[in-house]
Amino acid sequence: MKDQIPEDVVKDRFDRLLKEVQDISREMAERFTGTEQTVLVEEQNRQMDGYVTGRLSNNHVVHFPGDESLIGKIIKVRLEECRGFYYMGNTV
């Protein structure tokens, strides 16, 4: 029901839940750092010139050096660094 819990308590609970979700996501993602994975290349990266963006089979995003000729291909990428919700990598 409306106004049963004070707004500051709601906010605190939400913030704690969000931090927990982020910590678990980071922990799960970091376990793949340093491994070679197959990546479906989807597009040129809009923020980094000379990079493309792709996805792992688990739907995690990977950014790595490449050009538009790779779009649509499945290639091997070494996951060098986990940055929370995405990886930075290099082609193998």
PDB file of N, CA and C in Angstrom:
ATOM      1  N   MET A   1       0.838  -1.175   0.000  1.00  0.00           N
ATOM      2  CA  MET A   1       0.000   0.000   0.000  1.00  0.00           C
ATOM      3  C   MET A   1       0.891   1.251   0.000  1.00  0.00           C
ATOM      4  N   LYS A   2       0.355   2.269  -0.528  1.00  0.00           N
ATOM      5  CA  LYS A   2       1.099   3.516  -0.668  1.00  0.00           C
ATOM      6  C   LYS A   2       1.506   4.084   0.694  1.00  0.00           C
ATOM      7  N   ASP A   3       2.761   4.598   0.729  1.00  0.00           N
ATOM      8  CA  ASP A   3       3.315   5.281   1.902  1.00  0.00           C
ATOM      9  C   ASP A   3       3.437   4.400   3.147  1.00  0.00           C
ATOM     10  N   GLN A   4       3.521   3.094   2.977  1.00  0.00           N
ATOM     11  CA  GLN A   4       3.710   2.210   4.129  1.00  0.00           C
ATOM     12  C   GLN A   4       5.149   2.273   4.637  1.00  0.00           C
ATOM     13  N   ILE A   5       6.088   2.459   3.710  1.00  0.00           N
ATOM     14  CA  ILE A   5       7.498   2.484   4.066  1.00  0.00           C
ATOM     15  C   ILE A   5       8.043   3.858   3.717  1.00  0.00           C
ATOM     16  N   PRO A   6       8.763   4.481   4.615  1.00  0.00           N
ATOM     17  CA  PRO A   6       9.310   5.808   4.335  1.00  0.00           C
ATOM     18  C   PRO A   6      10.216   5.796   3.093  1.00  0.00           C
ATOM     19  N   GLU A   7      10.191   6.887   2.357  1.00  0.00           N
ATOM     20  CA  GLU A   7      10.939   7.000   1.096  1.00  0.00           C
ATOM     21  C   GLU A   7      12.438   6.763   1.293  1.00  0.00           C
ATOM     22  N   ASP A   8      13.021   7.245   2.383  1.00  0.00           N
ATOM     23  CA  ASP A   8      14.455   7.052   2.604  1.00  0.00           C
ATOM     24  C   ASP A   8      14.794   5.572   2.826  1.00  0.00           C
ATOM     25  N   VAL A   9      13.888   4.816   3.427  1.00  0.00           N
ATOM     26  CA  VAL A   9      14.095   3.377   3.614  1.00  0.00           C
ATOM     27  C   VAL A   9      14.007   2.662   2.266  1.00  0.00           C
ATOM     28  N   VAL A  10      13.049   3.047   1.458  1.00  0.00           N
ATOM     29  CA  VAL A  10      12.901   2.466   0.111  1.00  0.00           C
ATOM     30  C   VAL A  10      14.170   2.710  -0.698  1.00  0.00           C
ATOM     31  N   LYS A  11      14.655   3.940  -0.664  1.00  0.00           N
ATOM     32  CA  LYS A  11      15.861   4.296  -1.418  1.00  0.00           C
ATOM     33  C   LYS A  11      17.064   3.508  -0.922  1.00  0.00           C
ATOM     34  N   ASP A  12      17.230   3.403   0.386  1.00  0.00           N
ATOM     35  CA  ASP A  12      18.347   2.653   0.946  1.00  0.00           C
ATOM     36  C   ASP A  12      18.291   1.186   0.527  1.00  0.00           C
ATOM     37  N   ARG A  13      17.130   0.583   0.593  1.00  0.00           N
ATOM     38  CA  ARG A  13      16.980  -0.825   0.201  1.00  0.00           C
ATOM     39  C   ARG A  13      17.290  -1.012  -1.283  1.00  0.00           C
ATOM     40  N   PHE A  14      16.790  -0.093  -2.103  1.00  0.00           N
ATOM     41  CA  PHE A  14      17.045  -0.184  -3.537  1.00  0.00           C
ATOM     42  C   PHE A  14      18.542  -0.060  -3.827  1.00  0.00           C
ATOM     43  N   ASP A  15      19.207   0.899  -3.189  1.00  0.00           N
ATOM     44  CA  ASP A  15      20.639   1.099  -3.407  1.00  0.00           C
ATOM     45  C   ASP A  15      21.449  -0.124  -2.997  1.00  0.00           C
ATOM     46  N   ARG A  16      21.085  -0.739  -1.875  1.00  0.00           N
ATOM     47  CA  ARG A  16      21.788  -1.945  -1.422  1.00  0.00           C
ATOM     48  C   ARG A  16      21.558  -3.100  -2.397  1.00  0.00           C
ATOM     49  N   LEU A  17      20.338  -3.243  -2.892  1.00  0.00           N
ATOM     50  CA  LEU A  17      20.035  -4.293  -3.860  1.00  0.00           C
ATOM     51  C   LEU A  17      20.805  -4.075  -5.159  1.00  0.00           C
ATOM     52  N   LEU A  18      20.827  -2.851  -5.651  1.00  0.00           N
ATOM     53  CA  LEU A  18      21.541  -2.536  -6.884  1.00  0.00           C
ATOM     54  C   LEU A  18      23.032  -2.833  -6.745  1.00  0.00           C
ATOM     55  N   LYS A  19      23.634  -2.470  -5.621  1.00  0.00           N
ATOM     56  CA  LYS A  19      25.053  -2.749  -5.404  1.00  0.00           C
ATOM     57  C   LYS A  19      25.308  -4.251  -5.403  1.00  0.00           C
ATOM     58  N   GLU A  20      24.437  -5.003  -4.772  1.00  0.00           N
ATOM     59  CA  GLU A  20      24.590  -6.468  -4.732  1.00  0.00           C
ATOM     60  C   GLU A  20      24.515  -7.066  -6.137  1.00  0.00           C
ATOM     61  N   VAL A  21      23.569  -6.619  -6.922  1.00  0.00           N
ATOM     62  CA  VAL A  21      23.430  -7.104  -8.301  1.00  0.00           C
ATOM     63  C   VAL A  21      24.680  -6.762  -9.108  1.00  0.00           C
ATOM     64  N   GLN A  22      25.184  -5.547  -8.972  1.00  0.00           N
ATOM     65  CA  GLN A  22      26.386  -5.140  -9.697  1.00  0.00           C
ATOM     66  C   GLN A  22      27.596  -5.959  -9.265  1.00  0.00           C
ATOM     67  N   ASP A  23      27.742  -6.212  -7.976  1.00  0.00           N
ATOM     68  CA  ASP A  23      28.863  -7.013  -7.477  1.00  0.00           C
ATOM     69  C   ASP A  23      28.810  -8.433  -8.017  1.00  0.00           C
ATOM     70  N   ILE A  24      27.637  -9.036  -7.997  1.00  0.00           N
ATOM     71  CA  ILE A  24      27.486 -10.404  -8.506  1.00  0.00           C
ATOM     72  C   ILE A  24      27.750 -10.436 -10.006  1.00  0.00           C
ATOM     73  N   SER A  25      27.237  -9.473 -10.749  1.00  0.00           N
ATOM     74  CA  SER A  25      27.470  -9.415 -12.197  1.00  0.00           C
ATOM     75  C   SER A  25      28.952  -9.294 -12.506  1.00  0.00           C
ATOM     76  N   ARG A  26      29.649  -8.422 -11.790  1.00  0.00           N
ATOM     77  CA  ARG A  26      31.080  -8.234 -12.004  1.00  0.00           C
ATOM     78  C   ARG A  26      31.835  -9.523 -11.695  1.00  0.00           C
ATOM     79  N   GLU A  27      31.483 -10.161 -10.594  1.00  0.00           N
ATOM     80  CA  GLU A  27      32.144 -11.402 -10.197  1.00  0.00           C
ATOM     81  C   GLU A  27      31.932 -12.493 -11.248  1.00  0.00           C
ATOM     82  N   MET A  28      30.723 -12.616 -11.745  1.00  0.00           N
ATOM     83  CA  MET A  28      30.424 -13.623 -12.762  1.00  0.00           C
ATOM     84  C   MET A  28      31.166 -13.320 -14.065  1.00  0.00           C
ATOM     85  N   ALA A  29      31.219 -12.045 -14.433  1.00  0.00           N
ATOM     86  CA  ALA A  29      31.865 -11.656 -15.695  1.00  0.00           C
ATOM     87  C   ALA A  29      33.379 -11.796 -15.613  1.00  0.00           C
ATOM     88  N   GLU A  30      33.971 -11.477 -14.481  1.00  0.00           N
ATOM     89  CA  GLU A  30      35.427 -11.507 -14.353  1.00  0.00           C
ATOM     90  C   GLU A  30      36.008 -12.903 -14.524  1.00  0.00           C
ATOM     91  N   ARG A  31      35.218 -13.914 -14.322  1.00  0.00           N
ATOM     92  CA  ARG A  31      35.756 -15.276 -14.443  1.00  0.00           C
ATOM     93  C   ARG A  31      36.170 -15.614 -15.866  1.00  0.00           C
ATOM     94  N   PHE A  32      35.682 -14.862 -16.855  1.00  0.00           N
ATOM     95  CA  PHE A  32      36.054 -15.103 -18.248  1.00  0.00           C
ATOM     96  C   PHE A  32      37.264 -14.293 -18.685  1.00  0.00           C
ATOM     97  N   THR A  33      37.713 -13.346 -17.856  1.00  0.00           N
ATOM     98  CA  THR A  33      38.862 -12.520 -18.208  1.00  0.00           C
ATOM     99  C   THR A  33      40.088 -13.404 -18.424  1.00  0.00           C
ATOM    100  N   GLY A  34      40.794 -13.152 -19.537  1.00  0.00           N
ATOM    101  CA  GLY A  34      41.979 -13.926 -19.874  1.00  0.00           C
ATOM    102  C   GLY A  34      41.698 -15.159 -20.711  1.00  0.00           C
ATOM    103  N   THR A  35      40.435 -15.425 -21.002  1.00  0.00           N
ATOM    104  CA  THR A  35      40.088 -16.596 -21.806  1.00  0.00           C
ATOM    105  C   THR A  35      39.835 -16.201 -23.258  1.00  0.00           C
ATOM    106  N   GLU A  36      39.883 -17.190 -24.135  1.00  0.00           N
ATOM    107  CA  GLU A  36      39.529 -16.983 -25.535  1.00  0.00           C
ATOM    108  C   GLU A  36      38.093 -17.436 -25.736  1.00  0.00           C
ATOM    109  N   GLN A  37      37.292 -16.582 -26.357  1.00  0.00           N
ATOM    110  CA  GLN A  37      35.877 -16.863 -26.565  1.00  0.00           C
ATOM    111  C   GLN A  37      35.499 -16.568 -28.010  1.00  0.00           C
ATOM    112  N   THR A  38      34.453 -17.234 -28.476  1.00  0.00           N
ATOM    113  CA  THR A  38      33.927 -16.906 -29.807  1.00  0.00           C
ATOM    114  C   THR A  38      32.966 -15.733 -29.666  1.00  0.00           C
ATOM    115  N   VAL A  39      33.073 -14.814 -30.617  1.00  0.00           N
ATOM    116  CA  VAL A  39      32.301 -13.577 -30.577  1.00  0.00           C
ATOM    117  C   VAL A  39      31.634 -13.358 -31.927  1.00  0.00           C
ATOM    118  N   LEU A  40      30.352 -13.011 -31.915  1.00  0.00           N
ATOM    119  CA  LEU A  40      29.653 -12.584 -33.116  1.00  0.00           C
ATOM    120  C   LEU A  40      29.827 -11.077 -33.223  1.00  0.00           C
ATOM    121  N   VAL A  41      30.494 -10.631 -34.291  1.00  0.00           N
ATOM    122  CA  VAL A  41      30.748  -9.198 -34.469  1.00  0.00           C
ATOM    123  C   VAL A  41      29.475  -8.555 -35.005  1.00  0.00           C
ATOM    124  N   GLU A  42      28.996  -7.526 -34.304  1.00  0.00           N
ATOM    125  CA  GLU A  42      27.713  -6.901 -34.640  1.00  0.00           C
ATOM    126  C   GLU A  42      27.822  -5.561 -35.349  1.00  0.00           C
ATOM    127  N   GLU A  43      28.775  -4.717 -34.917  1.00  0.00           N
ATOM    128  CA  GLU A  43      28.821  -3.357 -35.469  1.00  0.00           C
ATOM    129  C   GLU A  43      30.152  -2.692 -35.186  1.00  0.00           C
ATOM    130  N   GLN A  44      30.387  -1.590 -35.892  1.00  0.00           N
ATOM    131  CA  GLN A  44      31.532  -0.752 -35.560  1.00  0.00           C
ATOM    132  C   GLN A  44      31.215  -0.030 -34.264  1.00  0.00           C
ATOM    133  N   ASN A  45      32.219   0.138 -33.433  1.00  0.00           N
ATOM    134  CA  ASN A  45      32.027   0.831 -32.165  1.00  0.00           C
ATOM    135  C   ASN A  45      31.890   2.322 -32.431  1.00  0.00           C
ATOM    136  N   ARG A  46      30.864   2.930 -31.887  1.00  0.00           N
ATOM    137  CA  ARG A  46      30.594   4.345 -32.135  1.00  0.00           C
ATOM    138  C   ARG A  46      31.454   5.278 -31.293  1.00  0.00           C
ATOM    139  N   GLN A  47      31.973   4.798 -30.173  1.00  0.00           N
ATOM    140  CA  GLN A  47      32.771   5.648 -29.288  1.00  0.00           C
ATOM    141  C   GLN A  47      34.272   5.533 -29.527  1.00  0.00           C
ATOM    142  N   MET A  48      34.719   4.403 -30.068  1.00  0.00           N
ATOM    143  CA  MET A  48      36.154   4.174 -30.237  1.00  0.00           C
ATOM    144  C   MET A  48      36.469   3.867 -31.699  1.00  0.00           C
ATOM    145  N   ASP A  49      37.157   4.768 -32.343  1.00  0.00           N
ATOM    146  CA  ASP A  49      37.556   4.548 -33.737  1.00  0.00           C
ATOM    147  C   ASP A  49      38.469   3.332 -33.822  1.00  0.00           C
ATOM    148  N   GLY A  50      38.258   2.533 -34.866  1.00  0.00           N
ATOM    149  CA  GLY A  50      39.091   1.360 -35.078  1.00  0.00           C
ATOM    150  C   GLY A  50      38.689   0.151 -34.261  1.00  0.00           C
ATOM    151  N   TYR A  51      37.547   0.223 -33.587  1.00  0.00           N
ATOM    152  CA  TYR A  51      37.053  -0.888 -32.773  1.00  0.00           C
ATOM    153  C   TYR A  51      35.697  -1.357 -33.293  1.00  0.00           C
ATOM    154  N   VAL A  52      35.425  -2.631 -33.056  1.00  0.00           N
ATOM    155  CA  VAL A  52      34.107  -3.197 -33.344  1.00  0.00           C
ATOM    156  C   VAL A  52      33.529  -3.731 -32.042  1.00  0.00           C
ATOM    157  N   THR A  53      32.233  -4.000 -32.071  1.00  0.00           N
ATOM    158  CA  THR A  53      31.531  -4.524 -30.906  1.00  0.00           C
ATOM    159  C   THR A  53      30.865  -5.835 -31.277  1.00  0.00           C
ATOM    160  N   GLY A  54      30.973  -6.797 -30.386  1.00  0.00           N
ATOM    161  CA  GLY A  54      30.342  -8.084 -30.610  1.00  0.00           C
ATOM    162  C   GLY A  54      29.777  -8.639 -29.319  1.00  0.00           C
ATOM    163  N   ARG A  55      29.219  -9.844 -29.433  1.00  0.00           N
ATOM    164  CA  ARG A  55      28.615 -10.489 -28.259  1.00  0.00           C
ATOM    165  C   ARG A  55      29.087 -11.927 -28.133  1.00  0.00           C
ATOM    166  N   LEU A  56      29.268 -12.312 -26.868  1.00  0.00           N
ATOM    167  CA  LEU A  56      29.563 -13.701 -26.550  1.00  0.00           C
ATOM    168  C   LEU A  56      28.272 -14.506 -26.608  1.00  0.00           C
ATOM    169  N   SER A  57      28.367 -15.819 -26.495  1.00  0.00           N
ATOM    170  CA  SER A  57      27.168 -16.664 -26.510  1.00  0.00           C
ATOM    171  C   SER A  57      26.274 -16.399 -25.303  1.00  0.00           C
ATOM    172  N   ASN A  58      26.843 -15.847 -24.216  1.00  0.00           N
ATOM    173  CA  ASN A  58      26.038 -15.516 -23.035  1.00  0.00           C
ATOM    174  C   ASN A  58      25.508 -14.084 -23.083  1.00  0.00           C
ATOM    175  N   ASN A  59      25.657 -13.429 -24.231  1.00  0.00           N
ATOM    176  CA  ASN A  59      25.138 -12.088 -24.514  1.00  0.00           C
ATOM    177  C   ASN A  59      25.974 -10.959 -23.922  1.00  0.00           C
ATOM    178  N   HIS A  60      27.134 -11.252 -23.336  1.00  0.00           N
ATOM    179  CA  HIS A  60      28.016 -10.186 -22.854  1.00  0.00           C
ATOM    180  C   HIS A  60      28.630  -9.454 -24.037  1.00  0.00           C
ATOM    181  N   VAL A  61      28.827  -8.161 -23.883  1.00  0.00           N
ATOM    182  CA  VAL A  61      29.357  -7.310 -24.939  1.00  0.00           C
ATOM    183  C   VAL A  61      30.883  -7.275 -24.863  1.00  0.00           C
ATOM    184  N   VAL A  62      31.523  -7.281 -26.053  1.00  0.00           N
ATOM    185  CA  VAL A  62      32.976  -7.213 -26.153  1.00  0.00           C
ATOM    186  C   VAL A  62      33.346  -6.149 -27.180  1.00  0.00           C
ATOM    187  N   HIS A  63      34.289  -5.276 -26.820  1.00  0.00           N
ATOM    188  CA  HIS A  63      34.831  -4.284 -27.741  1.00  0.00           C
ATOM    189  C   HIS A  63      36.274  -4.675 -28.031  1.00  0.00           C
ATOM    190  N   PHE A  64      36.658  -4.628 -29.313  1.00  0.00           N
ATOM    191  CA  PHE A  64      38.028  -4.993 -29.667  1.00  0.00           C
ATOM    192  C   PHE A  64      38.395  -4.362 -31.010  1.00  0.00           C
ATOM    193  N   PRO A  65      39.706  -4.224 -31.280  1.00  0.00           N
ATOM    194  CA  PRO A  65      40.130  -3.612 -32.537  1.00  0.00           C
ATOM    195  C   PRO A  65      39.657  -4.421 -33.734  1.00  0.00           C
ATOM    196  N   GLY A  66      39.165  -3.714 -34.754  1.00  0.00           N
ATOM    197  CA  GLY A  66      38.704  -4.366 -35.974  1.00  0.00           C
ATOM    198  C   GLY A  66      38.057  -3.358 -36.890  1.00  0.00           C
ATOM    199  N   ASP A  67      37.663  -3.847 -38.073  1.00  0.00           N
ATOM    200  CA  ASP A  67      36.994  -2.960 -39.023  1.00  0.00           C
ATOM    201  C   ASP A  67      35.683  -3.578 -39.483  1.00  0.00           C
ATOM    202  N   GLU A  68      34.984  -2.859 -40.339  1.00  0.00           N
ATOM    203  CA  GLU A  68      33.637  -3.288 -40.743  1.00  0.00           C
ATOM    204  C   GLU A  68      33.617  -4.606 -41.514  1.00  0.00           C
ATOM    205  N   SER A  69      34.758  -5.065 -42.018  1.00  0.00           N
ATOM    206  CA  SER A  69      34.792  -6.345 -42.730  1.00  0.00           C
ATOM    207  C   SER A  69      34.495  -7.521 -41.798  1.00  0.00           C
ATOM    208  N   LEU A  70      34.618  -7.314 -40.488  1.00  0.00           N
ATOM    209  CA  LEU A  70      34.352  -8.382 -39.520  1.00  0.00           C
ATOM    210  C   LEU A  70      32.876  -8.516 -39.155  1.00  0.00           C
ATOM    211  N   ILE A  71      32.068  -7.518 -39.470  1.00  0.00           N
ATOM    212  CA  ILE A  71      30.662  -7.525 -39.074  1.00  0.00           C
ATOM    213  C   ILE A  71      29.953  -8.743 -39.669  1.00  0.00           C
ATOM    214  N   GLY A  72      29.249  -9.468 -38.794  1.00  0.00           N
ATOM    215  CA  GLY A  72      28.523 -10.665 -39.198  1.00  0.00           C
ATOM    216  C   GLY A  72      29.321 -11.944 -39.064  1.00  0.00           C
ATOM    217  N   LYS A  73      30.603 -11.839 -38.772  1.00  0.00           N
ATOM    218  CA  LYS A  73      31.460 -13.020 -38.641  1.00  0.00           C
ATOM    219  C   LYS A  73      31.567 -13.445 -37.180  1.00  0.00           C
ATOM    220  N   ILE A  74      31.869 -14.711 -37.003  1.00  0.00           N
ATOM    221  CA  ILE A  74      32.133 -15.261 -35.674  1.00  0.00           C
ATOM    222  C   ILE A  74      33.628 -15.496 -35.600  1.00  0.00           C
ATOM    223  N   ILE A  75      34.286 -14.827 -34.642  1.00  0.00           N
ATOM    224  CA  ILE A  75      35.734 -14.920 -34.525  1.00  0.00           C
ATOM    225  C   ILE A  75      36.137 -15.176 -33.078  1.00  0.00           C
ATOM    226  N   LYS A  76      37.395 -15.606 -32.904  1.00  0.00           N
ATOM    227  CA  LYS A  76      37.954 -15.820 -31.566  1.00  0.00           C
ATOM    228  C   LYS A  76      38.534 -14.515 -31.053  1.00  0.00           C
ATOM    229  N   VAL A  77      38.201 -14.197 -29.800  1.00  0.00           N
ATOM    230  CA  VAL A  77      38.699 -12.986 -29.149  1.00  0.00           C
ATOM    231  C   VAL A  77      39.202 -13.363 -27.760  1.00  0.00           C
ATOM    232  N   ARG A  78      40.356 -12.823 -27.407  1.00  0.00           N
ATOM    233  CA  ARG A  78      40.868 -12.994 -26.036  1.00  0.00           C
ATOM    234  C   ARG A  78      40.325 -11.839 -25.208  1.00  0.00           C
ATOM    235  N   LEU A  79      39.646 -12.175 -24.118  1.00  0.00           N
ATOM    236  CA  LEU A  79      39.048 -11.181 -23.236  1.00  0.00           C
ATOM    237  C   LEU A  79      40.122 -10.677 -22.277  1.00  0.00           C
ATOM    238  N   GLU A  80      40.606  -9.477 -22.519  1.00  0.00           N
ATOM    239  CA  GLU A  80      41.736  -8.932 -21.770  1.00  0.00           C
ATOM    240  C   GLU A  80      41.330  -8.264 -20.463  1.00  0.00           C
ATOM    241  N   GLU A  81      40.180  -7.585 -20.471  1.00  0.00           N
ATOM    242  CA  GLU A  81      39.787  -6.805 -19.291  1.00  0.00           C
ATOM    243  C   GLU A  81      38.271  -6.758 -19.151  1.00  0.00           C
ATOM    244  N   CYS A  82      37.798  -6.990 -17.953  1.00  0.00           N
ATOM    245  CA  CYS A  82      36.374  -6.860 -17.661  1.00  0.00           C
ATOM    246  C   CYS A  82      36.135  -5.471 -17.092  1.00  0.00           C
ATOM    247  N   ARG A  83      35.188  -4.761 -17.672  1.00  0.00           N
ATOM    248  CA  ARG A  83      34.862  -3.419 -17.191  1.00  0.00           C
ATOM    249  C   ARG A  83      33.420  -3.377 -16.678  1.00  0.00           C
ATOM    250  N   GLY A  84      33.079  -4.354 -15.911  1.00  0.00           N
ATOM    251  CA  GLY A  84      31.744  -4.396 -15.320  1.00  0.00           C
ATOM    252  C   GLY A  84      30.756  -5.123 -16.209  1.00  0.00           C
ATOM    253  N   PHE A  85      30.130  -4.378 -17.123  1.00  0.00           N
ATOM    254  CA  PHE A  85      29.108  -4.978 -17.973  1.00  0.00           C
ATOM    255  C   PHE A  85      29.585  -5.244 -19.391  1.00  0.00           C
ATOM    256  N   TYR A  86      30.877  -5.060 -19.661  1.00  0.00           N
ATOM    257  CA  TYR A  86      31.420  -5.379 -20.978  1.00  0.00           C
ATOM    258  C   TYR A  86      32.907  -5.713 -20.841  1.00  0.00           C
ATOM    259  N   TYR A  87      33.464  -6.286 -21.923  1.00  0.00           N
ATOM    260  CA  TYR A  87      34.861  -6.650 -21.957  1.00  0.00           C
ATOM    261  C   TYR A  87      35.600  -5.843 -23.014  1.00  0.00           C
ATOM    262  N   MET A  88      36.902  -5.720 -22.810  1.00  0.00           N
ATOM    263  CA  MET A  88      37.814  -5.234 -23.832  1.00  0.00           C
ATOM    264  C   MET A  88      38.647  -6.452 -24.233  1.00  0.00           C
ATOM    265  N   GLY A  89      38.866  -6.620 -25.535  1.00  0.00           N
ATOM    266  CA  GLY A  89      39.606  -7.791 -25.972  1.00  0.00           C
ATOM    267  C   GLY A  89      40.426  -7.538 -27.208  1.00  0.00           C
ATOM    268  N   ASN A  90      41.057  -8.621 -27.695  1.00  0.00           N
ATOM    269  CA  ASN A  90      41.856  -8.608 -28.916  1.00  0.00           C
ATOM    270  C   ASN A  90      41.590  -9.878 -29.691  1.00  0.00           C
ATOM    271  N   THR A  91      41.621  -9.769 -31.014  1.00  0.00           N
ATOM    272  CA  THR A  91      41.413 -10.963 -31.833  1.00  0.00           C
ATOM    273  C   THR A  91      42.572 -11.932 -31.644  1.00  0.00           C
ATOM    274  N   VAL A  92      42.260 -13.199 -31.790  1.00  0.00           N
ATOM    275  CA  VAL A  92      43.275 -14.253 -31.617  1.00  0.00           C
ATOM    276  C   VAL A  92      43.799 -14.644 -32.981  1.00  0.00           C
TER     277      VAL A  92
END
